[in-house]
Protein backbone atom coordinates (compact mmCIF):
# COMPACT_ATOMS: atom_id res chain seq x y z
CA UNK A 1 14.58 12.02 4.83
CA UNK A 2 11.05 11.32 6.53
CA UNK A 3 8.49 9.56 4.33
CA UNK A 4 4.80 9.86 5.39
CA UNK A 5 2.49 7.34 3.52
CA UNK A 6 -0.87 8.45 2.75
CA UNK A 7 -3.77 6.03 2.40
CA UNK A 8 -4.29 5.73 -1.34
CA UNK A 9 -2.91 9.08 -1.82
CA UNK A 10 -5.63 10.71 0.05
CA UNK A 11 -4.93 13.19 2.73
CA UNK A 12 -6.93 15.90 4.76
CA UNK A 13 -6.55 19.51 4.45
CA UNK A 14 -5.72 19.53 8.09
CA UNK A 15 -2.99 16.92 7.56
CA UNK A 16 -1.59 18.59 4.56
CA UNK A 17 -1.61 21.89 6.34
CA UNK A 18 0.41 20.37 9.32
CA UNK A 19 2.85 18.83 6.89
CA UNK A 20 3.51 22.17 5.48
CA UNK A 21 4.00 23.60 8.80
CA UNK A 22 6.33 20.86 9.77
CA UNK A 23 8.22 21.33 6.58
CA UNK A 24 8.72 25.07 7.26
CA UNK A 25 9.83 24.22 10.84
CA UNK A 26 12.19 21.32 9.98
CA UNK A 27 13.21 21.50 6.38
CA UNK A 28 13.12 25.15 5.68
CA UNK A 29 13.63 25.73 1.83
CA UNK A 30 13.01 22.21 0.95
CA UNK A 31 9.81 21.42 -0.82
CA UNK A 32 7.57 18.61 0.14
CA UNK A 33 8.22 15.52 -2.29
CA UNK A 34 5.35 13.40 -3.70
CA UNK A 35 6.28 9.78 -4.46
CA UNK A 36 4.99 7.34 -6.95
CA UNK A 37 3.79 5.18 -3.90
CA UNK A 38 1.46 7.82 -2.81
CA UNK A 39 3.63 9.12 0.10
CA UNK A 40 5.03 12.48 0.87
CA UNK A 41 8.70 13.15 2.05
CA UNK A 42 10.45 15.70 3.92
CA UNK A 43 13.91 15.97 2.90
CA UNK A 44 17.01 17.37 4.70
CA UNK A 45 15.60 16.91 8.24
CA UNK A 46 18.59 17.62 10.67
CA UNK A 47 19.59 14.63 12.77
CA UNK A 48 18.78 16.48 15.88
CA UNK A 49 15.13 17.10 14.86
CA UNK A 50 14.18 13.51 13.82
CA UNK A 51 12.60 12.38 17.03
CA UNK A 52 10.71 15.67 17.44
CA UNK A 53 9.36 15.45 13.84
CA UNK A 54 8.21 12.00 14.55
CA UNK A 55 6.49 12.86 17.79
CA UNK A 56 4.60 15.64 15.78
CA UNK A 57 3.54 13.52 12.98
CA UNK A 58 1.95 10.92 15.41
CA UNK A 59 0.61 13.45 17.69
CA UNK A 60 -1.16 14.72 14.31
CA UNK A 61 -2.55 11.45 13.48
CA UNK A 62 -0.08 10.71 10.61
CA UNK A 63 1.50 7.50 10.60
CA UNK A 64 4.87 6.39 9.36
CA UNK A 65 3.93 2.67 8.80
CA UNK A 66 5.36 1.72 5.31
CA UNK A 67 7.64 4.59 5.23
CA UNK A 68 10.85 2.76 4.93
CA UNK A 69 13.12 -0.07 6.40
CA UNK A 70 12.49 -3.68 6.06
CA UNK A 71 8.65 -3.30 6.07
CA UNK A 72 5.73 -3.43 4.02
CA UNK A 73 5.67 -0.34 1.82
CA UNK A 74 2.83 2.23 1.57
CA UNK A 75 -0.37 0.27 0.28
CA UNK A 76 -1.43 2.18 -2.80
CA UNK A 77 -4.91 2.56 -4.43
CA UNK A 78 -5.80 3.53 -7.73
CA UNK A 79 -7.27 7.01 -7.94
CA UNK A 80 -10.16 5.61 -10.13
CA UNK A 81 -11.97 4.31 -6.94
CA UNK A 82 -13.23 7.80 -6.24
CA UNK A 83 -13.31 9.37 -9.70
CA UNK A 84 -14.59 6.80 -12.30
CA UNK A 85 -18.31 5.98 -11.83
CA UNK A 86 -17.60 2.69 -13.54
CA UNK A 87 -14.94 1.66 -10.99
CA UNK A 88 -15.56 -0.54 -8.02
CA UNK A 89 -14.70 1.21 -4.67
CA UNK A 90 -12.01 -1.01 -3.21
CA UNK A 91 -10.68 1.65 -1.04
CA UNK A 92 -12.41 0.25 2.20
CA UNK A 93 -10.81 -3.13 1.54
CA UNK A 94 -7.22 -1.36 0.96
CA UNK A 95 -7.90 0.47 4.30
CA UNK A 96 -8.76 -2.59 6.26
CA UNK A 97 -5.73 -4.42 4.77
CA UNK A 98 -3.46 -1.57 5.76
CA UNK A 99 -4.80 -1.38 9.19
CA UNK A 100 -4.38 -5.30 9.42
CA UNK A 101 -0.79 -5.29 8.27
CA UNK A 102 0.14 -2.30 10.50
CA UNK A 103 -1.19 -4.19 13.48
CA UNK A 104 0.07 -7.59 12.64
CA UNK A 105 3.12 -7.12 10.41
CA UNK A 106 5.43 -9.82 11.91
CA UNK A 107 2.85 -12.73 11.47
CA UNK A 108 3.01 -12.56 7.94
CA UNK A 109 6.67 -13.14 7.13
CA UNK A 110 6.85 -11.00 4.18
CA UNK A 111 10.11 -10.07 2.50
CA UNK A 112 11.51 -6.60 3.00
CA UNK A 113 10.12 -3.70 1.03
CA UNK A 114 6.81 -5.59 0.00
CA UNK A 115 4.55 -3.58 -2.15
CA UNK A 116 0.80 -4.13 -2.35
CA UNK A 117 -1.64 -2.16 -4.69
CA UNK A 118 -5.35 -2.07 -5.06
CA UNK A 119 -7.49 -1.00 -7.96
CA UNK A 120 -11.26 -0.95 -8.94
CA UNK A 121 -11.23 -0.28 -12.69
CA UNK A 122 -10.19 -1.84 -15.87
CA UNK A 123 -7.35 0.53 -16.52
CA UNK A 124 -5.53 0.69 -13.16
CA UNK A 125 -2.98 3.40 -12.69
CA UNK A 126 -1.68 1.75 -9.62
CA UNK A 127 0.45 -0.67 -11.84
CA UNK A 128 -0.63 -3.90 -10.41
CA UNK A 129 1.94 -6.00 -12.51
CA UNK A 130 4.77 -4.25 -10.99
CA UNK A 131 3.68 -4.92 -7.27
CA UNK A 132 4.54 -7.82 -5.14
CA UNK A 133 0.81 -8.44 -4.59
CA UNK A 134 -1.94 -6.50 -6.36
CA UNK A 135 -5.85 -6.74 -5.91
CA UNK A 136 -8.24 -5.54 -8.45
CA UNK A 137 -11.80 -5.65 -8.11
CA UNK A 138 -13.84 -7.74 -10.62
CA UNK A 139 -17.21 -7.33 -8.83
CA UNK A 140 -18.51 -5.95 -5.61
CA UNK A 141 -17.46 -9.28 -3.76
CA UNK A 142 -14.36 -10.55 -5.65
CA UNK A 143 -10.92 -9.38 -6.69
CA UNK A 144 -8.30 -10.66 -9.28
CA UNK A 145 -5.06 -11.33 -7.37
CA UNK A 146 -1.88 -10.56 -9.14
CA UNK A 147 1.61 -11.45 -7.62
CA UNK A 148 5.28 -11.48 -8.01
CA UNK A 149 5.73 -8.28 -9.73
CA UNK A 150 9.11 -6.38 -9.34
CA UNK A 151 11.15 -3.43 -10.45
CA UNK A 152 14.01 -4.68 -8.61
CA UNK A 153 17.62 -5.85 -10.04
CA UNK A 154 15.80 -8.31 -12.28
CA UNK A 155 12.52 -6.70 -13.16
CA UNK A 156 9.68 -9.11 -13.78
CA UNK A 157 5.80 -8.36 -14.51
CA UNK A 158 3.61 -10.03 -11.98
CA UNK A 159 1.49 -13.22 -12.82
CA UNK A 160 -2.18 -13.81 -12.21
CA UNK A 161 -2.55 -15.90 -9.05
CA UNK A 162 -6.30 -15.90 -8.83
CA UNK A 163 -8.90 -14.76 -11.49
CA UNK A 164 -11.45 -14.31 -8.73
CA UNK A 165 -11.12 -14.35 -5.03
CA UNK A 166 -14.09 -13.71 -2.66
CA UNK A 167 -13.61 -10.55 -0.48
CA UNK A 168 -17.19 -10.65 1.09
CA UNK A 169 -15.80 -11.11 4.70
CA UNK A 170 -13.02 -8.37 4.36
CA UNK A 171 -9.33 -8.78 4.70
CA UNK A 172 -9.21 -11.66 6.98
CA UNK A 173 -11.26 -13.63 4.76
CA UNK A 174 -9.19 -12.88 1.75
CA UNK A 175 -6.25 -14.16 3.46
CA UNK A 176 -8.05 -17.34 4.55
CA UNK A 177 -9.39 -17.83 1.19
CA UNK A 178 -6.10 -17.36 -0.53
CA UNK A 179 -4.72 -20.13 1.75
CA UNK A 180 -7.29 -22.67 0.46
CA UNK A 181 -8.12 -21.48 -3.04
CA UNK A 182 -6.51 -22.87 -6.23
CA UNK A 183 -4.40 -20.71 -8.20
CA UNK A 184 -5.23 -19.59 -11.75
CA UNK A 185 -3.82 -21.89 -14.52
CA UNK A 186 -0.26 -20.92 -15.43
CA UNK A 187 0.26 -19.40 -12.03
CA UNK A 188 3.78 -20.92 -10.98
CA UNK A 189 2.92 -20.70 -7.08
CA UNK A 190 1.07 -18.85 -4.51
CA UNK A 191 2.06 -18.79 -1.05
CA UNK A 192 -0.40 -17.77 1.64
CA UNK A 193 1.22 -15.18 4.04
CA UNK A 194 1.37 -17.49 7.06
CA UNK A 195 3.32 -20.26 5.28
CA UNK A 196 5.98 -17.78 3.74
CA UNK A 197 9.45 -18.64 5.27
């Protein structure tokens, strides 16, 4: 199986057409699968074709970052950002964090299968309390940060780490601010990514 993350569930018609073509070529008779983390899966890829499939995906501009293994999973974005006129558009911040994580993954020392989500409305469909880390826009310049959510062997809802964290300077500023900010009352702990061991 090959998983192809999409950015926030968004995919161009050109990329979707290419995926359909690749599915016909490498997984004939098996439909594309859509996942809850806004990815697309190609099932039953013969072992002999895995390398060719990866080369074609990358040549088309599709990334497999966050697709599996001990890695940050696909970063999800609530669909409200582009459909709800009352929602804050947090998609650009999610895109910047995705890019930053893809380029600098080892420096953050995150646990395996780390899940991050973003939302810009008051009724998020991105399930922020079930992600390891979630950012919800509370204004054009600040996010609410939720952490420690899990659906693993011992499911736990996340806790609010910060009611309001400035995002004016983009993802780098978010991480620097996170390191020096005080957690919300009741938050057990907050670990800046560079301090995690």
